[in-house]
Amino acid sequence: METAENPIDNETLSDDETAAVDDAEMQAALDPESATPETDPADEDLPGGEIDEDPIAVLEAKIAELNDKHLRAVSDAENTRRIAARDRANDTKYKNMDLGRDLLGVVDNMTMALASIPEESREADANLKNLYVGIDMTMNELLGAFERNSIKPIDAMGKQFDHNLMEAISQVPNADVNDGTVVQVVRRGFMLHDRLLRPAQVIVATGGPKAEQGSDGQSDGAGGVGEAAPEGAEKAYENQGKTPGSQIDEET
């Protein structure tokens, strides 16, 4: 009778070795879970048997990330350009702010000089009249230079008090005009474009009728640009703790 070949390379084993092999095979047959499972070398680098990510999906995610960064960089650059353009425009528009404020003292001095020469004295003294005319011409020339550079006086006389443009230094009883009406301008105020160079110092009336408000919230009586009729004149020209021009003299 032919004998079966030994599965271990047809080598001749001793009786003890053959018995050990038979025991191992029998043990594996009885307890399959104890056998060492074969592993795929390709799975050794993947914990838990995970599958590799799709390279196309990885590249698409990277492209989306770079595109987002590009759009953000372009947006930041555009914002920076707009801010720089606005700053340049403001620098050009308000370049005469400091010069205008320095020259307001000259306007005040010439105004006081003109007020100190009454008409009777001018008519009685030709030299005094010529001096008055010379000061008045100089004043008009200076105001003309102001206007050519967009510096204009605030028209406050007879208008409703506006704490954005005016500074009330006194009040007088006057029942003939609306409460809070400017009855005297002590010192003229000036604007440069839409910015306040200096508020007008005024005296306002009190004790008269309340100014009526129209549908737009402004006084139906005389009023200047940006004026809003107050609930009560006293509250208006007390300024309610606000600095004159605090709402106008600010950048947008």
Protein backbone atom coordinates (compact mmCIF):
# COMPACT_ATOMS: atom_id res chain seq x y z
CA MET A 1 0.00 0.00 0.00
CA GLU A 2 1.25 3.48 -0.91
CA THR A 3 1.80 5.89 1.98
CA ALA A 4 0.63 9.53 1.77
CA GLU A 5 3.25 12.14 1.41
CA ASN A 6 4.06 14.14 4.51
CA PRO A 7 2.70 17.73 4.07
CA ILE A 8 5.87 19.22 5.48
CA ASP A 9 8.17 19.19 2.38
CA ASN A 10 8.19 15.41 2.19
CA GLU A 11 10.86 15.32 4.85
CA THR A 12 11.22 12.37 7.09
CA LEU A 13 10.26 13.23 10.66
CA SER A 14 10.94 11.39 13.79
CA ASP A 15 8.08 9.81 15.67
CA ASP A 16 8.06 12.62 18.26
CA GLU A 17 8.04 15.32 15.61
CA THR A 18 5.27 13.61 13.70
CA ALA A 19 3.23 13.36 16.86
CA ALA A 20 3.72 17.12 17.55
CA VAL A 21 2.56 18.04 14.06
CA ASP A 22 -0.48 15.83 14.37
CA ASP A 23 -1.36 17.39 17.72
CA ALA A 24 -1.08 20.92 16.27
CA GLU A 25 -3.29 20.05 13.31
CA MET A 26 -5.85 18.43 15.57
CA GLN A 27 -5.84 21.45 17.90
CA ALA A 28 -6.38 23.81 14.97
CA ALA A 29 -9.25 21.69 13.73
CA LEU A 30 -10.92 21.65 17.16
CA ASP A 31 -10.32 25.39 17.93
CA PRO A 32 -10.33 27.45 14.69
CA GLU A 33 -10.29 30.78 16.62
CA SER A 34 -6.87 29.97 18.07
CA ALA A 35 -5.33 29.74 14.63
CA THR A 36 -3.31 32.82 13.63
CA PRO A 37 -5.24 34.65 10.88
CA GLU A 38 -3.44 35.56 7.78
CA THR A 39 -3.06 39.34 7.33
CA ASP A 40 -2.87 41.33 4.18
CA PRO A 41 0.31 43.42 4.17
CA ALA A 42 -1.64 46.18 2.41
CA ASP A 43 -3.90 46.54 5.47
CA GLU A 44 -1.10 46.85 8.03
CA ASP A 45 -0.78 50.62 7.54
CA LEU A 46 -4.53 51.26 7.85
CA PRO A 47 -5.73 51.20 11.48
CA GLY A 48 -9.06 49.47 11.86
CA GLY A 49 -9.01 48.39 8.26
CA GLU A 50 -9.95 51.86 6.93
CA ILE A 51 -10.00 52.47 3.22
CA ASP A 52 -7.78 55.13 1.61
CA GLU A 53 -9.49 58.53 0.90
CA ASP A 54 -10.43 59.34 -2.65
CA PRO A 55 -7.53 61.44 -4.02
CA ILE A 56 -9.93 63.39 -6.25
CA ALA A 57 -12.02 64.40 -3.24
CA VAL A 58 -8.87 65.48 -1.39
CA LEU A 59 -7.77 67.65 -4.33
CA GLU A 60 -11.23 69.18 -4.68
CA ALA A 61 -11.26 70.13 -0.98
CA LYS A 62 -7.81 71.70 -1.34
CA ILE A 63 -8.95 73.67 -4.40
CA ALA A 64 -12.00 74.95 -2.51
CA GLU A 65 -9.81 76.05 0.41
CA LEU A 66 -7.38 77.90 -1.86
CA ASN A 67 -10.25 79.53 -3.75
CA ASP A 68 -11.73 80.79 -0.46
CA LYS A 69 -8.37 82.24 0.59
CA HIS A 70 -8.02 83.92 -2.80
CA LEU A 71 -11.46 85.55 -2.56
CA ARG A 72 -10.73 86.80 0.95
CA ALA A 73 -7.41 88.29 -0.16
CA VAL A 74 -9.07 90.06 -3.11
CA SER A 75 -11.80 91.43 -0.83
CA ASP A 76 -9.26 92.74 1.69
CA ALA A 77 -7.27 94.41 -1.07
CA GLU A 78 -10.41 96.06 -2.46
CA ASN A 79 -11.41 97.36 0.98
CA THR A 80 -7.93 98.75 1.52
CA ARG A 81 -8.06 100.50 -1.84
CA ARG A 82 -11.45 102.06 -1.10
CA ILE A 83 -10.36 103.28 2.34
CA ALA A 84 -7.20 104.81 0.88
CA ALA A 85 -9.21 106.54 -1.88
CA ARG A 86 -11.68 107.91 0.68
CA ASP A 87 -8.85 109.18 2.89
CA ARG A 88 -7.21 110.91 -0.08
CA ALA A 89 -10.51 112.54 -1.02
CA ASN A 90 -11.06 113.75 2.55
CA ASP A 91 -7.52 115.10 2.77
CA THR A 92 -8.13 117.13 -0.37
CA LYS A 93 -11.62 118.24 0.65
CA TYR A 94 -10.70 119.36 4.17
CA LYS A 95 -7.11 120.47 3.60
CA ASN A 96 -7.98 124.09 4.53
CA MET A 97 -9.47 123.18 7.91
CA ASP A 98 -6.54 124.37 10.03
CA LEU A 99 -5.89 127.47 7.90
CA GLY A 100 -9.53 128.47 8.08
CA ARG A 101 -9.60 128.17 11.86
CA ASP A 102 -6.45 130.29 12.14
CA LEU A 103 -7.96 133.05 9.99
CA LEU A 104 -11.19 133.21 11.96
CA GLY A 105 -9.40 135.37 14.53
CA VAL A 106 -8.67 137.92 11.78
CA VAL A 107 -12.36 137.96 10.86
CA ASP A 108 -13.30 138.56 14.50
CA ASN A 109 -10.85 141.46 14.87
CA MET A 110 -12.06 143.19 11.70
CA THR A 111 -15.67 142.66 12.73
CA MET A 112 -15.02 144.38 16.07
CA ALA A 113 -13.15 147.19 14.29
CA LEU A 114 -16.10 147.85 11.99
CA ALA A 115 -18.54 147.73 14.93
CA SER A 116 -16.44 150.25 16.89
CA ILE A 117 -16.90 152.99 14.23
CA PRO A 118 -20.52 154.22 14.36
CA GLU A 119 -22.10 155.80 11.33
CA GLU A 120 -22.29 159.27 12.94
CA SER A 121 -18.56 159.28 13.51
CA ARG A 122 -17.90 158.18 9.92
CA GLU A 123 -20.03 160.98 8.54
CA ALA A 124 -18.32 163.54 10.74
CA ASP A 125 -14.74 162.46 9.95
CA ALA A 126 -13.64 161.71 6.39
CA ASN A 127 -10.48 159.93 7.51
CA LEU A 128 -12.46 157.70 9.84
CA LYS A 129 -14.87 156.96 7.01
CA ASN A 130 -12.00 155.99 4.70
CA LEU A 131 -10.59 153.73 7.41
CA TYR A 132 -13.98 152.07 7.77
CA VAL A 133 -14.27 151.54 4.04
CA GLY A 134 -10.77 150.04 3.89
CA ILE A 135 -11.49 147.60 6.71
CA ASP A 136 -14.82 146.67 5.13
CA MET A 137 -13.18 145.98 1.76
CA THR A 138 -10.54 143.82 3.42
CA MET A 139 -13.24 141.92 5.27
CA ASN A 140 -15.18 141.32 2.04
CA GLU A 141 -12.03 140.12 0.29
CA LEU A 142 -11.26 137.68 3.09
CA LEU A 143 -14.81 136.36 3.11
CA GLY A 144 -14.62 135.99 -0.67
CA ALA A 145 -11.44 133.93 -0.30
CA PHE A 146 -13.23 131.83 2.31
CA GLU A 147 -16.14 131.17 -0.03
CA ARG A 148 -13.84 130.22 -2.92
CA ASN A 149 -12.38 127.58 -0.62
CA SER A 150 -15.81 126.34 0.53
CA ILE A 151 -15.69 128.11 3.90
CA LYS A 152 -19.06 129.75 4.49
CA PRO A 153 -20.59 131.60 7.46
CA ILE A 154 -23.51 130.04 9.32
CA ASP A 155 -26.75 131.95 8.79
CA ALA A 156 -28.06 132.02 12.36
CA MET A 157 -29.87 135.34 12.78
CA GLY A 158 -33.63 134.85 13.15
CA LYS A 159 -33.34 131.07 12.88
CA GLN A 160 -34.40 128.42 15.36
CA PHE A 161 -31.57 127.42 17.68
CA ASP A 162 -29.62 124.37 16.48
CA HIS A 163 -27.09 122.92 18.91
CA ASN A 164 -25.22 121.33 15.99
CA LEU A 165 -24.33 124.74 14.57
CA MET A 166 -24.74 127.22 17.40
CA GLU A 167 -23.62 127.90 20.94
CA ALA A 168 -26.07 129.86 23.13
CA ILE A 169 -24.28 132.20 25.50
CA SER A 170 -27.37 134.00 26.84
CA GLN A 171 -31.15 134.22 26.63
CA VAL A 172 -33.48 137.20 26.72
CA PRO A 173 -37.25 137.38 27.27
CA ASN A 174 -38.99 138.11 24.00
CA ALA A 175 -42.64 137.21 23.43
CA ASP A 176 -42.68 138.54 19.86
CA VAL A 177 -40.79 135.58 18.37
CA ASN A 178 -40.92 131.84 18.81
CA ASP A 179 -39.25 130.41 21.85
CA GLY A 180 -35.64 129.48 20.99
CA THR A 181 -35.26 131.95 18.10
CA VAL A 182 -31.83 133.53 17.64
CA VAL A 183 -32.21 137.27 18.20
CA GLN A 184 -28.52 138.25 18.15
CA VAL A 185 -25.31 136.78 16.74
CA VAL A 186 -22.39 137.62 19.01
CA ARG A 187 -19.77 135.77 16.95
CA ARG A 188 -20.28 134.27 13.53
CA GLY A 189 -19.77 130.58 12.98
CA PHE A 190 -18.32 128.96 9.87
CA MET A 191 -18.56 125.67 8.00
CA LEU A 192 -16.04 123.96 5.70
CA HIS A 193 -18.17 121.89 3.34
CA ASP A 194 -20.19 119.77 5.80
CA ARG A 195 -17.80 120.13 8.73
CA LEU A 196 -18.07 122.69 11.48
CA LEU A 197 -15.13 125.06 11.75
CA ARG A 198 -16.62 127.00 14.63
CA PRO A 199 -20.14 127.24 16.09
CA ALA A 200 -21.93 130.57 16.04
CA GLN A 201 -22.25 132.23 19.43
CA VAL A 202 -25.80 133.51 19.74
CA ILE A 203 -28.39 134.95 22.10
CA VAL A 204 -31.80 133.27 21.97
CA ALA A 205 -35.27 134.43 22.90
CA THR A 206 -37.40 132.85 25.57
CA GLY A 207 -41.00 133.29 26.71
CA GLY A 208 -42.59 133.34 23.25
CA PRO A 209 -44.83 130.76 21.58
CA LYS A 210 -43.47 127.31 20.92
CA ALA A 211 -42.25 126.69 17.41
CA GLU A 212 -44.56 124.31 15.55
CA GLN A 213 -43.13 121.21 13.95
CA GLY A 214 -43.99 120.10 10.44
CA SER A 215 -44.46 116.54 9.27
CA ASP A 216 -40.72 116.24 8.66
CA GLY A 217 -39.91 117.15 12.28
CA GLN A 218 -38.58 120.64 11.38
CA SER A 219 -39.93 123.98 12.52
CA ASP A 220 -42.57 125.57 10.31
CA GLY A 221 -41.00 128.90 11.08
CA ALA A 222 -37.65 130.24 9.91
CA GLY A 223 -34.91 127.70 10.15
CA GLY A 224 -31.52 126.89 8.70
CA VAL A 225 -30.02 123.76 7.26
CA GLY A 226 -29.91 120.86 9.69
CA GLU A 227 -32.18 122.58 12.22
CA ALA A 228 -34.77 120.60 14.15
CA ALA A 229 -37.44 122.35 16.19
CA PRO A 230 -36.90 121.67 19.89
CA GLU A 231 -39.55 120.51 22.32
CA GLY A 232 -38.70 123.55 24.42
CA ALA A 233 -36.29 126.32 23.65
CA GLU A 234 -34.71 126.18 27.08
CA LYS A 235 -33.71 122.55 26.59
CA ALA A 236 -32.46 123.34 23.10
CA TYR A 237 -30.11 126.16 23.88
CA GLU A 238 -28.96 124.62 27.13
CA ASN A 239 -27.38 122.20 24.63
CA GLN A 240 -28.30 119.13 26.68
CA GLY A 241 -24.64 118.45 27.43
CA LYS A 242 -23.70 118.10 23.74
CA THR A 243 -20.76 119.80 22.09
CA PRO A 244 -21.74 122.17 19.24
CA GLY A 245 -21.32 120.39 15.94
CA SER A 246 -20.99 116.97 17.56
CA GLN A 247 -23.39 115.43 15.05
CA ILE A 248 -22.11 117.28 11.98
CA ASP A 249 -18.36 117.23 12.49
CA GLU A 250 -17.84 113.50 12.18
CA GLU A 251 -16.66 111.25 9.38
CA THR A 252 -18.96 108.78 7.76
